[in-house]
Each structure stands twice: as structure tokens, then as C-alpha cells.
Amino acid sequence: MKKLFFILVILGITLSGYADLKPKQIVGKWKYEVDAGGELLTGIFKFAEKEGKLVGEIISDDGYNIPFSKIECKEDNKLYMEAKTDYDLIKIDVKVDGDKFSGMGTNYEGEAPITGKKVE
């Protein structure tokens, strides 16, 4: 009985390690869409890994580039990002599922749903 318990504990620890999002899974370009109250905003999130940390930027289809000031991989395949502009703080909280993500983006105007897919 003790052996079975020990095996289940080790298996649980091992599998939970695989469930968390890794920076290498995020590196690359991700096409995004934000439904901003009837207006569809689109662009690319571009991520790279430098010195073991994720860095990146928002490249909007309108031609704006906004660097991320914070990027965090969290438990349960969640990714949290912040980008600061001269007049706003954009917060993005999404759940990554393979090569897709979905979640919410917030700024001073409110919340908006965001979805996306990794681009080859």
C-alpha cells in the first residue's frame, strides 16, 4: 500500500510539472483578435527569450508597436502580460491551449475578450 501511495505522489508531481506553461512554448508570433465593443482589433504578439526571461511586444495591424513591460507564465497554462503606453496600462490574461489562447484584456476603458493562435 505504501508503494502505491508513493508511486501516485511521484506521478502527481511529475504530471503537474508538465501542466505548467513554459517560456519556450510561448516564443514566436501569435496572431490576436480583440472584440472591443463591436470593433475588431487585430495584430501580432511577438515573443522571444532573453537570458531565461520572456520579452515581447504588441504589433498592431494599425502600425503601433508596444513593448510588454511584464510577461509571466503562471499555473494552469495561464499567461499574464502588461504593456504601458503614454496614457494607459494594458493588462492581458489568457489561457494557452496548445497553439491557441483565449482570455481577457483590460485597459482604462474596460475589459474585452481576446483570442489568438500561434503563427508558423
N, C-alpha and C. Protein backbone atom coordinates (compact mmCIF):
# COMPACT_ATOMS: atom_id res chain seq x y z
N MET A 1 0.82 -1.20 0.00
CA MET A 1 0.00 0.00 0.00
C MET A 1 0.86 1.26 0.00
N LYS A 2 1.97 1.25 0.77
CA LYS A 2 2.85 2.40 0.82
C LYS A 2 3.49 2.65 -0.54
N LYS A 3 3.85 1.55 -1.24
CA LYS A 3 4.45 1.69 -2.57
C LYS A 3 3.48 2.37 -3.53
N LEU A 4 2.22 1.96 -3.50
CA LEU A 4 1.21 2.54 -4.37
C LEU A 4 1.04 4.03 -4.08
N PHE A 5 0.97 4.38 -2.82
CA PHE A 5 0.85 5.79 -2.43
C PHE A 5 2.05 6.59 -2.92
N PHE A 6 3.25 6.05 -2.73
CA PHE A 6 4.48 6.72 -3.16
C PHE A 6 4.48 6.92 -4.68
N ILE A 7 4.08 5.90 -5.43
CA ILE A 7 4.03 6.00 -6.89
C ILE A 7 3.03 7.06 -7.32
N LEU A 8 1.86 7.10 -6.69
CA LEU A 8 0.85 8.09 -7.03
C LEU A 8 1.33 9.51 -6.73
N VAL A 9 2.02 9.70 -5.63
CA VAL A 9 2.56 11.03 -5.29
C VAL A 9 3.58 11.46 -6.33
N ILE A 10 4.51 10.59 -6.67
CA ILE A 10 5.53 10.91 -7.68
C ILE A 10 4.88 11.20 -9.03
N LEU A 11 3.92 10.38 -9.41
CA LEU A 11 3.21 10.59 -10.68
C LEU A 11 2.49 11.93 -10.68
N GLY A 12 1.84 12.27 -9.59
CA GLY A 12 1.15 13.56 -9.47
C GLY A 12 2.09 14.73 -9.60
N ILE A 13 3.24 14.66 -8.95
CA ILE A 13 4.24 15.73 -9.03
C ILE A 13 4.76 15.85 -10.45
N THR A 14 5.06 14.72 -11.07
CA THR A 14 5.58 14.72 -12.43
C THR A 14 4.58 15.31 -13.42
N LEU A 15 3.32 14.88 -13.35
CA LEU A 15 2.32 15.37 -14.28
C LEU A 15 2.00 16.84 -14.07
N SER A 16 2.01 17.30 -12.82
CA SER A 16 1.74 18.72 -12.59
C SER A 16 2.85 19.58 -13.17
N GLY A 17 4.07 19.07 -13.22
CA GLY A 17 5.17 19.80 -13.83
C GLY A 17 4.98 19.98 -15.32
N TYR A 18 4.33 19.01 -15.96
CA TYR A 18 4.08 19.11 -17.39
C TYR A 18 2.89 19.99 -17.71
N ALA A 19 2.04 20.27 -16.75
CA ALA A 19 0.83 21.05 -16.99
C ALA A 19 1.11 22.55 -17.05
N ASP A 20 2.21 22.98 -16.47
CA ASP A 20 2.51 24.41 -16.44
C ASP A 20 3.10 24.88 -17.76
N LEU A 21 2.82 26.12 -18.07
CA LEU A 21 3.28 26.75 -19.29
C LEU A 21 4.78 27.05 -19.19
N LYS A 22 5.51 26.76 -20.23
CA LYS A 22 6.95 27.01 -20.27
C LYS A 22 7.23 28.15 -21.26
N PRO A 23 8.22 29.00 -20.96
CA PRO A 23 8.54 30.10 -21.87
C PRO A 23 8.80 29.65 -23.31
N LYS A 24 9.45 28.50 -23.49
CA LYS A 24 9.75 28.03 -24.85
C LYS A 24 8.49 27.76 -25.66
N GLN A 25 7.37 27.46 -24.99
CA GLN A 25 6.09 27.24 -25.68
C GLN A 25 5.53 28.56 -26.22
N ILE A 26 5.92 29.66 -25.63
CA ILE A 26 5.37 30.96 -25.97
C ILE A 26 6.19 31.66 -27.06
N VAL A 27 7.48 31.39 -27.11
CA VAL A 27 8.37 32.07 -28.06
C VAL A 27 7.82 31.94 -29.48
N GLY A 28 7.78 33.07 -30.18
CA GLY A 28 7.30 33.11 -31.56
C GLY A 28 6.26 34.20 -31.73
N LYS A 29 5.50 34.10 -32.80
CA LYS A 29 4.48 35.09 -33.11
C LYS A 29 3.09 34.48 -32.92
N TRP A 30 2.21 35.27 -32.32
CA TRP A 30 0.83 34.86 -32.07
C TRP A 30 -0.10 35.92 -32.64
N LYS A 31 -0.97 35.55 -33.54
CA LYS A 31 -1.99 36.45 -34.10
C LYS A 31 -3.10 36.60 -33.05
N TYR A 32 -3.51 37.84 -32.78
CA TYR A 32 -4.57 38.06 -31.78
C TYR A 32 -5.73 38.83 -32.38
N GLU A 33 -6.90 38.68 -31.73
CA GLU A 33 -8.11 39.43 -32.06
C GLU A 33 -8.75 39.87 -30.75
N VAL A 34 -9.12 41.14 -30.68
CA VAL A 34 -9.81 41.68 -29.51
C VAL A 34 -11.14 42.25 -29.99
N ASP A 35 -12.21 41.79 -29.35
CA ASP A 35 -13.54 42.34 -29.65
C ASP A 35 -13.77 43.52 -28.72
N ALA A 36 -13.49 44.71 -29.22
CA ALA A 36 -13.61 45.93 -28.42
C ALA A 36 -14.96 46.59 -28.67
N GLY A 37 -16.01 45.96 -28.17
CA GLY A 37 -17.35 46.53 -28.29
C GLY A 37 -17.82 46.70 -29.72
N GLY A 38 -17.66 45.66 -30.53
CA GLY A 38 -18.11 45.73 -31.92
C GLY A 38 -17.01 46.06 -32.90
N GLU A 39 -15.90 46.59 -32.41
CA GLU A 39 -14.74 46.87 -33.26
C GLU A 39 -13.73 45.76 -33.05
N LEU A 40 -13.27 45.12 -34.14
CA LEU A 40 -12.31 44.03 -34.04
C LEU A 40 -10.90 44.59 -34.20
N LEU A 41 -10.10 44.47 -33.14
CA LEU A 41 -8.70 44.90 -33.16
C LEU A 41 -7.82 43.68 -33.37
N THR A 42 -6.88 43.76 -34.31
CA THR A 42 -6.04 42.60 -34.62
C THR A 42 -4.57 43.01 -34.67
N GLY A 43 -3.72 41.99 -34.59
CA GLY A 43 -2.29 42.21 -34.66
C GLY A 43 -1.53 40.96 -34.27
N ILE A 44 -0.28 41.17 -33.87
CA ILE A 44 0.62 40.08 -33.53
C ILE A 44 1.24 40.35 -32.15
N PHE A 45 1.29 39.31 -31.32
CA PHE A 45 2.14 39.32 -30.14
C PHE A 45 3.43 38.62 -30.56
N LYS A 46 4.57 39.27 -30.37
CA LYS A 46 5.85 38.69 -30.74
C LYS A 46 6.65 38.46 -29.46
N PHE A 47 7.06 37.19 -29.21
CA PHE A 47 7.78 36.82 -28.00
C PHE A 47 9.14 36.23 -28.34
N ALA A 48 10.11 36.52 -27.48
CA ALA A 48 11.45 35.93 -27.57
C ALA A 48 11.91 35.63 -26.14
N GLU A 49 12.94 34.81 -26.04
CA GLU A 49 13.51 34.51 -24.73
C GLU A 49 14.91 35.10 -24.68
N LYS A 50 15.15 35.96 -23.69
CA LYS A 50 16.46 36.57 -23.49
C LYS A 50 16.89 36.36 -22.05
N GLU A 51 18.05 35.75 -21.89
CA GLU A 51 18.61 35.49 -20.57
C GLU A 51 17.61 34.75 -19.67
N GLY A 52 16.89 33.80 -20.23
CA GLY A 52 15.96 32.98 -19.48
C GLY A 52 14.61 33.62 -19.19
N LYS A 53 14.37 34.83 -19.69
CA LYS A 53 13.11 35.52 -19.46
C LYS A 53 12.41 35.81 -20.78
N LEU A 54 11.08 35.83 -20.72
CA LEU A 54 10.30 36.20 -21.90
C LEU A 54 10.29 37.70 -22.08
N VAL A 55 10.48 38.14 -23.30
CA VAL A 55 10.33 39.55 -23.69
C VAL A 55 9.44 39.56 -24.92
N GLY A 56 8.84 40.70 -25.20
CA GLY A 56 7.99 40.74 -26.37
C GLY A 56 7.36 42.08 -26.60
N GLU A 57 6.51 42.12 -27.61
CA GLU A 57 5.83 43.35 -27.98
C GLU A 57 4.52 43.05 -28.67
N ILE A 58 3.66 44.05 -28.65
CA ILE A 58 2.41 44.02 -29.40
C ILE A 58 2.67 44.77 -30.69
N ILE A 59 2.34 44.15 -31.81
CA ILE A 59 2.45 44.80 -33.11
C ILE A 59 1.04 44.83 -33.68
N SER A 60 0.39 45.99 -33.59
CA SER A 60 -1.00 46.09 -34.05
C SER A 60 -1.04 46.21 -35.56
N ASP A 61 -2.15 45.78 -36.14
CA ASP A 61 -2.32 45.93 -37.58
C ASP A 61 -2.45 47.39 -37.99
N ASP A 62 -2.68 48.27 -36.99
CA ASP A 62 -2.73 49.71 -37.25
C ASP A 62 -1.34 50.34 -37.32
N GLY A 63 -0.30 49.55 -37.04
CA GLY A 63 1.07 50.04 -37.15
C GLY A 63 1.71 50.45 -35.84
N TYR A 64 1.07 50.18 -34.72
CA TYR A 64 1.65 50.53 -33.42
C TYR A 64 2.45 49.36 -32.87
N ASN A 65 3.63 49.66 -32.29
CA ASN A 65 4.43 48.67 -31.58
C ASN A 65 4.51 49.10 -30.12
N ILE A 66 4.08 48.19 -29.23
CA ILE A 66 4.08 48.49 -27.80
C ILE A 66 4.82 47.36 -27.10
N PRO A 67 5.98 47.63 -26.48
CA PRO A 67 6.70 46.56 -25.78
C PRO A 67 5.96 46.13 -24.51
N PHE A 68 6.04 44.84 -24.22
CA PHE A 68 5.50 44.35 -22.96
C PHE A 68 6.44 44.76 -21.83
N SER A 69 5.88 45.28 -20.75
CA SER A 69 6.68 45.63 -19.58
C SER A 69 6.74 44.47 -18.59
N LYS A 70 5.83 43.50 -18.76
CA LYS A 70 5.79 42.34 -17.87
C LYS A 70 5.17 41.17 -18.62
N ILE A 71 5.81 40.00 -18.49
CA ILE A 71 5.28 38.75 -19.06
C ILE A 71 5.53 37.66 -18.03
N GLU A 72 4.47 36.95 -17.64
CA GLU A 72 4.59 35.89 -16.65
C GLU A 72 3.86 34.64 -17.10
N CYS A 73 4.55 33.50 -17.05
CA CYS A 73 3.91 32.20 -17.23
C CYS A 73 3.41 31.77 -15.86
N LYS A 74 2.13 31.44 -15.76
CA LYS A 74 1.54 31.07 -14.49
C LYS A 74 1.03 29.63 -14.53
N GLU A 75 0.53 29.16 -13.39
CA GLU A 75 -0.01 27.81 -13.31
C GLU A 75 -1.23 27.66 -14.21
N ASP A 76 -1.55 26.43 -14.50
CA ASP A 76 -2.71 26.08 -15.32
C ASP A 76 -2.65 26.68 -16.73
N ASN A 77 -1.45 26.76 -17.30
CA ASN A 77 -1.23 27.25 -18.67
C ASN A 77 -1.73 28.68 -18.88
N LYS A 78 -1.60 29.50 -17.86
CA LYS A 78 -2.02 30.90 -17.97
C LYS A 78 -0.80 31.78 -18.27
N LEU A 79 -1.06 32.80 -19.09
CA LEU A 79 -0.04 33.76 -19.46
C LEU A 79 -0.57 35.15 -19.13
N TYR A 80 0.22 35.93 -18.39
CA TYR A 80 -0.16 37.29 -18.00
C TYR A 80 0.84 38.26 -18.59
N MET A 81 0.32 39.34 -19.20
CA MET A 81 1.18 40.34 -19.83
C MET A 81 0.70 41.75 -19.49
N GLU A 82 1.63 42.68 -19.43
CA GLU A 82 1.31 44.09 -19.27
C GLU A 82 2.09 44.89 -20.30
N ALA A 83 1.45 45.92 -20.82
CA ALA A 83 2.10 46.85 -21.75
C ALA A 83 1.69 48.26 -21.36
N LYS A 84 2.67 49.14 -21.24
CA LYS A 84 2.40 50.52 -20.85
C LYS A 84 2.53 51.43 -22.07
N THR A 85 1.56 52.32 -22.20
CA THR A 85 1.65 53.38 -23.20
C THR A 85 1.75 54.70 -22.45
N ASP A 86 1.79 55.80 -23.16
CA ASP A 86 1.88 57.10 -22.52
C ASP A 86 0.66 57.41 -21.66
N TYR A 87 -0.48 56.81 -22.01
CA TYR A 87 -1.73 57.17 -21.36
C TYR A 87 -2.49 55.98 -20.76
N ASP A 88 -1.94 54.77 -20.85
CA ASP A 88 -2.73 53.61 -20.44
C ASP A 88 -1.83 52.46 -19.99
N LEU A 89 -2.41 51.54 -19.24
CA LEU A 89 -1.78 50.28 -18.88
C LEU A 89 -2.69 49.18 -19.39
N ILE A 90 -2.19 48.38 -20.30
CA ILE A 90 -2.94 47.28 -20.88
C ILE A 90 -2.54 46.01 -20.14
N LYS A 91 -3.54 45.28 -19.62
CA LYS A 91 -3.30 44.02 -18.93
C LYS A 91 -4.00 42.92 -19.71
N ILE A 92 -3.27 41.83 -19.97
CA ILE A 92 -3.80 40.73 -20.75
C ILE A 92 -3.59 39.44 -19.96
N ASP A 93 -4.66 38.71 -19.75
CA ASP A 93 -4.63 37.46 -19.01
C ASP A 93 -5.31 36.39 -19.85
N VAL A 94 -4.52 35.42 -20.35
CA VAL A 94 -5.08 34.40 -21.24
C VAL A 94 -4.68 33.01 -20.78
N LYS A 95 -5.45 32.04 -21.24
CA LYS A 95 -5.11 30.63 -21.03
C LYS A 95 -4.66 30.07 -22.37
N VAL A 96 -3.50 29.44 -22.37
CA VAL A 96 -2.93 28.88 -23.59
C VAL A 96 -3.31 27.41 -23.66
N ASP A 97 -3.83 27.00 -24.82
CA ASP A 97 -4.21 25.62 -25.07
C ASP A 97 -3.56 25.20 -26.38
N GLY A 98 -2.38 24.61 -26.29
CA GLY A 98 -1.63 24.22 -27.49
C GLY A 98 -1.17 25.44 -28.25
N ASP A 99 -1.70 25.62 -29.47
CA ASP A 99 -1.30 26.77 -30.29
C ASP A 99 -2.37 27.85 -30.32
N LYS A 100 -3.29 27.83 -29.33
CA LYS A 100 -4.35 28.84 -29.25
C LYS A 100 -4.39 29.43 -27.85
N PHE A 101 -4.97 30.61 -27.73
CA PHE A 101 -5.20 31.20 -26.42
C PHE A 101 -6.52 31.95 -26.41
N SER A 102 -7.05 32.15 -25.21
CA SER A 102 -8.25 32.98 -25.05
C SER A 102 -8.24 33.53 -23.63
N GLY A 103 -8.85 34.69 -23.47
CA GLY A 103 -8.91 35.32 -22.17
C GLY A 103 -9.47 36.72 -22.25
N MET A 104 -8.96 37.59 -21.38
CA MET A 104 -9.46 38.96 -21.29
C MET A 104 -8.30 39.95 -21.33
N GLY A 105 -8.57 41.08 -21.95
CA GLY A 105 -7.66 42.21 -21.92
C GLY A 105 -8.37 43.37 -21.23
N THR A 106 -7.63 44.14 -20.45
CA THR A 106 -8.23 45.29 -19.77
C THR A 106 -7.37 46.52 -19.99
N ASN A 107 -8.03 47.66 -20.02
CA ASN A 107 -7.35 48.96 -20.02
C ASN A 107 -8.28 49.95 -19.34
N TYR A 108 -7.98 51.24 -19.43
CA TYR A 108 -8.79 52.23 -18.72
C TYR A 108 -10.24 52.28 -19.21
N GLU A 109 -10.50 51.78 -20.41
CA GLU A 109 -11.87 51.79 -20.95
C GLU A 109 -12.70 50.59 -20.51
N GLY A 110 -12.05 49.54 -19.98
CA GLY A 110 -12.78 48.37 -19.53
C GLY A 110 -12.14 47.08 -19.99
N GLU A 111 -12.95 46.01 -20.02
CA GLU A 111 -12.49 44.68 -20.41
C GLU A 111 -12.97 44.32 -21.81
N ALA A 112 -12.20 43.44 -22.45
CA ALA A 112 -12.59 42.95 -23.76
C ALA A 112 -12.04 41.53 -23.94
N PRO A 113 -12.83 40.63 -24.54
CA PRO A 113 -12.34 39.27 -24.79
C PRO A 113 -11.25 39.27 -25.86
N ILE A 114 -10.28 38.41 -25.66
CA ILE A 114 -9.17 38.30 -26.62
C ILE A 114 -8.92 36.82 -26.94
N THR A 115 -8.68 36.55 -28.20
CA THR A 115 -8.36 35.19 -28.66
C THR A 115 -7.18 35.28 -29.58
N GLY A 116 -6.53 34.14 -29.81
CA GLY A 116 -5.41 34.15 -30.72
C GLY A 116 -4.91 32.75 -31.05
N LYS A 117 -3.96 32.74 -31.99
CA LYS A 117 -3.40 31.49 -32.47
C LYS A 117 -1.95 31.73 -32.87
N LYS A 118 -1.10 30.73 -32.58
CA LYS A 118 0.32 30.83 -32.93
C LYS A 118 0.48 30.78 -34.44
N VAL A 119 1.38 31.60 -34.93
CA VAL A 119 1.66 31.71 -36.36
C VAL A 119 2.97 30.98 -36.65
N GLU A 120 2.97 30.16 -37.66
CA GLU A 120 4.19 29.43 -38.05
C GLU A 120 5.20 30.36 -38.69
